[in-house]
Structure formats: structure tokens, C-alpha cells
Amino acid sequence: MGISAEDLLLIPLVGLTAGLLASQIMQHEGFALAGDLVNGVAGAILGSWLLPQLGVLAYAGITAATINGTAGALALLLLAGLLRSLGGLARDWLGRGPRRPPAADLSRGNER
């Protein structure tokens, strides 16, 4: 049993929709369109495994795939935010401070 041409078209569309929905729900602006697509497809894989583990019934169809993908993409965004904040805590604990100094605001000109 292989993947049909229809499935090859639907997987990126569902992934993109799920990634965009998750970005809008989380008000996350860090990914471009390609990042949302990757997050949505990875989220669909995670969601299709995670939701049945939690006892949530998953029905077949494009709507269920979008809901699963959005739930998985939200979980991935939450995990990424957690890892980013833990990375900041680790830098603080190790005494290394921020990775780079803040960029100068060049829009105001030279103010002295």
C-alpha cells in the first residue's frame, strides 16, 4: 500500500494549515511559511500519535487531520518555547550571560 497522488498533495496542505493555525493560536512569529509547513507536518505526526495516547478519539478525514496536526504543532511550539527558556536559565546559571549584546537602533541616527 503506497501513498497516492492525492495524499502527496494533502499532506503539505494539511501541514501548512495546521502550522499556520498553531502559529496564530500561540501568536508565534518566529517561523516563515516553510517553517510553519515543517512544524505542521511534524505536528501532524506527533498529534496522530499523542492524541490516541491521551484517549482522544481521532476520526478519519481532512478535518481530523488538521485538528491532529494543529494539536501536535501546538505541542511542538510549547516544547520549543520551554527549551528556549531553559536555555536562558542555563546561561544564567552558568554565568555566561546573554549570547550577544542587543543590536543598536540605527533608525534614530546618532544620539550622543
N, C-alpha and C. Protein backbone atom coordinates (compact mmCIF):
# COMPACT_ATOMS: atom_id res chain seq x y z
N MET A 1 0.85 -1.18 0.00
CA MET A 1 0.00 0.00 0.00
C MET A 1 0.89 1.23 0.00
N GLY A 2 0.77 2.05 -1.02
CA GLY A 2 1.60 3.23 -1.17
C GLY A 2 0.81 4.50 -0.92
N ILE A 3 1.49 5.59 -1.10
CA ILE A 3 0.86 6.90 -0.94
C ILE A 3 0.36 7.34 -2.30
N SER A 4 -0.88 7.75 -2.36
CA SER A 4 -1.47 8.18 -3.63
C SER A 4 -1.05 9.62 -3.93
N ALA A 5 -1.30 10.04 -5.15
CA ALA A 5 -1.00 11.41 -5.56
C ALA A 5 -1.84 12.40 -4.75
N GLU A 6 -3.06 12.00 -4.43
CA GLU A 6 -3.92 12.87 -3.61
C GLU A 6 -3.32 13.06 -2.22
N ASP A 7 -2.79 11.99 -1.63
CA ASP A 7 -2.16 12.10 -0.32
C ASP A 7 -0.93 12.99 -0.37
N LEU A 8 -0.16 12.91 -1.43
CA LEU A 8 1.03 13.74 -1.56
C LEU A 8 0.67 15.22 -1.66
N LEU A 9 -0.50 15.52 -2.16
CA LEU A 9 -0.97 16.90 -2.21
C LEU A 9 -1.57 17.33 -0.88
N LEU A 10 -2.28 16.44 -0.22
CA LEU A 10 -2.97 16.80 1.02
C LEU A 10 -2.03 16.94 2.22
N ILE A 11 -0.97 16.13 2.28
CA ILE A 11 -0.07 16.19 3.43
C ILE A 11 0.52 17.58 3.61
N PRO A 12 1.12 18.21 2.57
CA PRO A 12 1.64 19.56 2.79
C PRO A 12 0.54 20.60 3.05
N LEU A 13 -0.62 20.45 2.42
CA LEU A 13 -1.70 21.41 2.65
C LEU A 13 -2.22 21.34 4.09
N VAL A 14 -2.42 20.12 4.58
CA VAL A 14 -2.86 19.96 5.96
C VAL A 14 -1.77 20.43 6.92
N GLY A 15 -0.51 20.11 6.61
CA GLY A 15 0.60 20.55 7.45
C GLY A 15 0.72 22.06 7.50
N LEU A 16 0.59 22.70 6.35
CA LEU A 16 0.66 24.17 6.30
C LEU A 16 -0.50 24.79 7.08
N THR A 17 -1.70 24.26 6.90
CA THR A 17 -2.86 24.77 7.63
C THR A 17 -2.67 24.59 9.13
N ALA A 18 -2.21 23.42 9.54
CA ALA A 18 -2.00 23.16 10.97
C ALA A 18 -0.91 24.05 11.53
N GLY A 19 0.18 24.22 10.79
CA GLY A 19 1.27 25.08 11.26
C GLY A 19 0.85 26.53 11.37
N LEU A 20 0.09 27.02 10.39
CA LEU A 20 -0.40 28.40 10.45
C LEU A 20 -1.38 28.60 11.61
N LEU A 21 -2.28 27.63 11.80
CA LEU A 21 -3.22 27.72 12.92
C LEU A 21 -2.48 27.74 14.27
N ALA A 22 -1.50 26.86 14.41
CA ALA A 22 -0.74 26.81 15.67
C ALA A 22 0.02 28.11 15.90
N SER A 23 0.60 28.67 14.85
CA SER A 23 1.32 29.94 14.98
C SER A 23 0.38 31.07 15.39
N GLN A 24 -0.83 31.07 14.83
CA GLN A 24 -1.80 32.11 15.17
C GLN A 24 -2.32 31.94 16.60
N ILE A 25 -2.56 30.71 17.01
CA ILE A 25 -3.04 30.46 18.36
C ILE A 25 -2.00 30.87 19.39
N MET A 26 -0.73 30.52 19.13
CA MET A 26 0.35 30.82 20.06
C MET A 26 0.88 32.24 19.88
N GLN A 27 0.41 32.96 18.86
CA GLN A 27 0.91 34.28 18.49
C GLN A 27 2.43 34.23 18.35
N HIS A 28 2.89 33.22 17.61
CA HIS A 28 4.30 32.96 17.40
C HIS A 28 4.69 33.51 16.05
N GLU A 29 5.74 34.34 15.99
CA GLU A 29 6.14 34.96 14.73
C GLU A 29 7.52 34.51 14.27
N GLY A 30 8.06 33.45 14.85
CA GLY A 30 9.43 33.07 14.57
C GLY A 30 9.64 32.28 13.29
N PHE A 31 8.61 31.71 12.70
CA PHE A 31 8.77 30.87 11.53
C PHE A 31 8.19 31.55 10.30
N ALA A 32 8.79 31.28 9.18
CA ALA A 32 8.23 31.72 7.90
C ALA A 32 7.25 30.64 7.42
N LEU A 33 6.80 30.78 6.22
CA LEU A 33 5.84 29.83 5.66
C LEU A 33 6.40 28.42 5.63
N ALA A 34 7.66 28.28 5.24
CA ALA A 34 8.28 26.95 5.20
C ALA A 34 8.40 26.36 6.61
N GLY A 35 8.70 27.19 7.60
CA GLY A 35 8.78 26.72 8.98
C GLY A 35 7.44 26.26 9.50
N ASP A 36 6.39 26.99 9.14
CA ASP A 36 5.04 26.58 9.53
C ASP A 36 4.66 25.25 8.88
N LEU A 37 5.08 25.06 7.63
CA LEU A 37 4.81 23.81 6.94
C LEU A 37 5.51 22.65 7.65
N VAL A 38 6.78 22.81 7.97
CA VAL A 38 7.53 21.75 8.65
C VAL A 38 6.94 21.49 10.03
N ASN A 39 6.61 22.57 10.75
CA ASN A 39 6.02 22.42 12.08
C ASN A 39 4.66 21.72 11.98
N GLY A 40 3.87 22.04 10.98
CA GLY A 40 2.56 21.41 10.82
C GLY A 40 2.65 19.94 10.46
N VAL A 41 3.57 19.59 9.56
CA VAL A 41 3.72 18.18 9.18
C VAL A 41 4.27 17.38 10.36
N ALA A 42 5.29 17.91 11.03
CA ALA A 42 5.83 17.24 12.22
C ALA A 42 4.76 17.18 13.32
N GLY A 43 3.98 18.24 13.44
CA GLY A 43 2.89 18.25 14.41
C GLY A 43 1.82 17.24 14.09
N ALA A 44 1.54 17.03 12.81
CA ALA A 44 0.55 16.02 12.41
C ALA A 44 1.03 14.63 12.79
N ILE A 45 2.31 14.39 12.61
CA ILE A 45 2.87 13.09 13.02
C ILE A 45 2.78 12.94 14.53
N LEU A 46 3.19 13.98 15.26
CA LEU A 46 3.14 13.94 16.72
C LEU A 46 1.70 13.84 17.21
N GLY A 47 0.81 14.64 16.61
CA GLY A 47 -0.59 14.63 17.04
C GLY A 47 -1.29 13.31 16.78
N SER A 48 -0.95 12.66 15.67
CA SER A 48 -1.59 11.37 15.38
C SER A 48 -1.12 10.28 16.34
N TRP A 49 0.02 10.48 16.97
CA TRP A 49 0.48 9.53 17.99
C TRP A 49 0.01 9.96 19.38
N LEU A 50 0.10 11.27 19.67
CA LEU A 50 -0.15 11.77 21.02
C LEU A 50 -1.62 11.71 21.42
N LEU A 51 -2.52 12.13 20.54
CA LEU A 51 -3.93 12.19 20.90
C LEU A 51 -4.52 10.82 21.26
N PRO A 52 -4.23 9.75 20.52
CA PRO A 52 -4.73 8.44 20.95
C PRO A 52 -4.12 7.99 22.29
N GLN A 53 -2.88 8.39 22.57
CA GLN A 53 -2.27 8.06 23.85
C GLN A 53 -3.00 8.73 25.01
N LEU A 54 -3.57 9.91 24.73
CA LEU A 54 -4.32 10.65 25.75
C LEU A 54 -5.79 10.24 25.80
N GLY A 55 -6.19 9.31 24.95
CA GLY A 55 -7.56 8.84 24.95
C GLY A 55 -8.50 9.68 24.12
N VAL A 56 -7.98 10.56 23.29
CA VAL A 56 -8.81 11.40 22.43
C VAL A 56 -9.09 10.63 21.15
N LEU A 57 -10.36 10.49 20.81
CA LEU A 57 -10.72 9.76 19.59
C LEU A 57 -10.39 10.60 18.37
N ALA A 58 -9.71 9.99 17.43
CA ALA A 58 -9.36 10.68 16.19
C ALA A 58 -10.16 10.03 15.06
N TYR A 59 -10.92 10.83 14.37
CA TYR A 59 -11.70 10.34 13.25
C TYR A 59 -10.90 10.52 11.97
N ALA A 60 -11.32 9.86 10.92
CA ALA A 60 -10.66 9.98 9.64
C ALA A 60 -11.17 11.21 8.91
N GLY A 61 -10.38 11.74 8.04
CA GLY A 61 -10.80 12.86 7.22
C GLY A 61 -9.85 14.03 7.36
N ILE A 62 -10.06 14.99 6.48
CA ILE A 62 -9.16 16.13 6.43
C ILE A 62 -9.32 17.04 7.66
N THR A 63 -10.55 17.15 8.19
CA THR A 63 -10.76 17.97 9.38
C THR A 63 -10.06 17.36 10.58
N ALA A 64 -10.17 16.06 10.76
CA ALA A 64 -9.50 15.39 11.87
C ALA A 64 -7.99 15.49 11.73
N ALA A 65 -7.48 15.38 10.50
CA ALA A 65 -6.04 15.51 10.28
C ALA A 65 -5.56 16.91 10.61
N THR A 66 -6.36 17.92 10.28
CA THR A 66 -6.00 19.30 10.59
C THR A 66 -6.02 19.53 12.10
N ILE A 67 -7.01 18.98 12.80
CA ILE A 67 -7.08 19.12 14.26
C ILE A 67 -5.90 18.41 14.91
N ASN A 68 -5.61 17.18 14.45
CA ASN A 68 -4.46 16.45 14.98
C ASN A 68 -3.16 17.21 14.72
N GLY A 69 -3.01 17.72 13.51
CA GLY A 69 -1.80 18.46 13.16
C GLY A 69 -1.65 19.73 13.96
N THR A 70 -2.75 20.44 14.19
CA THR A 70 -2.70 21.67 14.97
C THR A 70 -2.35 21.36 16.42
N ALA A 71 -2.94 20.31 16.98
CA ALA A 71 -2.62 19.93 18.37
C ALA A 71 -1.15 19.54 18.49
N GLY A 72 -0.64 18.78 17.53
CA GLY A 72 0.76 18.40 17.56
C GLY A 72 1.69 19.59 17.35
N ALA A 73 1.32 20.50 16.44
CA ALA A 73 2.14 21.69 16.20
C ALA A 73 2.15 22.60 17.42
N LEU A 74 1.01 22.70 18.12
CA LEU A 74 0.98 23.47 19.38
C LEU A 74 1.91 22.85 20.42
N ALA A 75 1.89 21.53 20.50
CA ALA A 75 2.79 20.84 21.44
C ALA A 75 4.24 21.11 21.08
N LEU A 76 4.57 21.11 19.79
CA LEU A 76 5.94 21.40 19.38
C LEU A 76 6.34 22.83 19.68
N LEU A 77 5.42 23.79 19.47
CA LEU A 77 5.73 25.18 19.79
C LEU A 77 5.91 25.37 21.29
N LEU A 78 5.08 24.70 22.09
CA LEU A 78 5.25 24.78 23.54
C LEU A 78 6.59 24.19 23.97
N LEU A 79 6.96 23.06 23.37
CA LEU A 79 8.23 22.44 23.68
C LEU A 79 9.40 23.33 23.27
N ALA A 80 9.30 23.96 22.11
CA ALA A 80 10.36 24.86 21.66
C ALA A 80 10.49 26.06 22.60
N GLY A 81 9.37 26.61 23.04
CA GLY A 81 9.42 27.72 23.99
C GLY A 81 10.01 27.30 25.33
N LEU A 82 9.67 26.11 25.77
CA LEU A 82 10.22 25.60 27.02
C LEU A 82 11.73 25.41 26.91
N LEU A 83 12.17 24.82 25.81
CA LEU A 83 13.61 24.62 25.63
C LEU A 83 14.35 25.94 25.51
N ARG A 84 13.74 26.92 24.85
CA ARG A 84 14.37 28.23 24.73
C ARG A 84 14.49 28.89 26.10
N SER A 85 13.46 28.79 26.92
CA SER A 85 13.54 29.40 28.25
C SER A 85 14.51 28.65 29.15
N LEU A 86 14.57 27.33 29.01
CA LEU A 86 15.54 26.57 29.79
C LEU A 86 16.96 26.88 29.36
N GLY A 87 17.16 27.15 28.08
CA GLY A 87 18.48 27.56 27.59
C GLY A 87 18.90 28.88 28.21
N GLY A 88 17.97 29.80 28.36
CA GLY A 88 18.26 31.07 29.00
C GLY A 88 18.59 30.88 30.48
N LEU A 89 17.84 29.98 31.14
CA LEU A 89 18.14 29.69 32.54
C LEU A 89 19.51 29.05 32.69
N ALA A 90 19.85 28.15 31.77
CA ALA A 90 21.16 27.51 31.84
C ALA A 90 22.27 28.53 31.66
N ARG A 91 22.09 29.50 30.76
CA ARG A 91 23.11 30.54 30.59
C ARG A 91 23.24 31.37 31.85
N ASP A 92 22.10 31.67 32.49
CA ASP A 92 22.14 32.44 33.73
C ASP A 92 22.84 31.66 34.84
N TRP A 93 22.55 30.37 34.95
CA TRP A 93 23.16 29.55 36.00
C TRP A 93 24.66 29.40 35.79
N LEU A 94 25.08 29.31 34.53
CA LEU A 94 26.50 29.14 34.25
C LEU A 94 27.25 30.46 34.26
N GLY A 95 26.53 31.56 34.37
CA GLY A 95 27.17 32.87 34.44
C GLY A 95 27.69 33.37 33.12
N ARG A 96 27.17 32.84 32.05
CA ARG A 96 27.65 33.26 30.73
C ARG A 96 26.92 34.48 30.20
N GLY A 97 25.82 34.82 30.77
CA GLY A 97 25.06 35.99 30.32
C GLY A 97 24.42 35.77 28.97
N PRO A 98 23.95 36.84 28.35
CA PRO A 98 23.31 36.71 27.04
C PRO A 98 24.32 36.31 25.97
N ARG A 99 23.81 35.71 24.90
CA ARG A 99 24.67 35.25 23.81
C ARG A 99 25.30 36.41 23.05
N ARG A 100 24.59 37.48 22.89
CA ARG A 100 25.13 38.62 22.14
C ARG A 100 24.51 39.90 22.69
N PRO A 101 25.19 40.99 22.56
CA PRO A 101 24.60 42.25 23.05
C PRO A 101 23.45 42.66 22.16
N PRO A 102 22.53 43.46 22.70
CA PRO A 102 21.40 43.90 21.89
C PRO A 102 21.89 44.77 20.74
N ALA A 103 21.21 44.68 19.62
CA ALA A 103 21.57 45.45 18.43
C ALA A 103 21.24 46.91 18.64
N ALA A 104 22.06 47.76 18.08
CA ALA A 104 21.82 49.21 18.19
C ALA A 104 20.65 49.59 17.30
N ASP A 105 19.89 50.56 17.73
CA ASP A 105 18.77 51.05 16.95
C ASP A 105 19.29 52.11 15.99
N LEU A 106 19.44 51.74 14.73
CA LEU A 106 20.01 52.64 13.73
C LEU A 106 18.97 53.57 13.12
N SER A 107 17.70 53.36 13.43
CA SER A 107 16.65 54.18 12.83
C SER A 107 16.61 55.59 13.41
N ARG A 108 17.18 55.79 14.60
CA ARG A 108 17.14 57.10 15.24
C ARG A 108 18.35 57.97 14.88
N GLY A 109 19.35 57.40 14.27
CA GLY A 109 20.55 58.18 13.96
C GLY A 109 21.50 58.15 15.14
N ASN A 110 22.49 58.98 15.08
CA ASN A 110 23.49 59.04 16.16
C ASN A 110 23.03 60.00 17.24
N GLU A 111 22.72 59.47 18.39
CA GLU A 111 22.31 60.29 19.52
C GLU A 111 23.41 60.25 20.56
N ARG A 112 23.99 61.40 20.86
CA ARG A 112 25.05 61.45 21.87
C ARG A 112 24.78 62.54 22.85
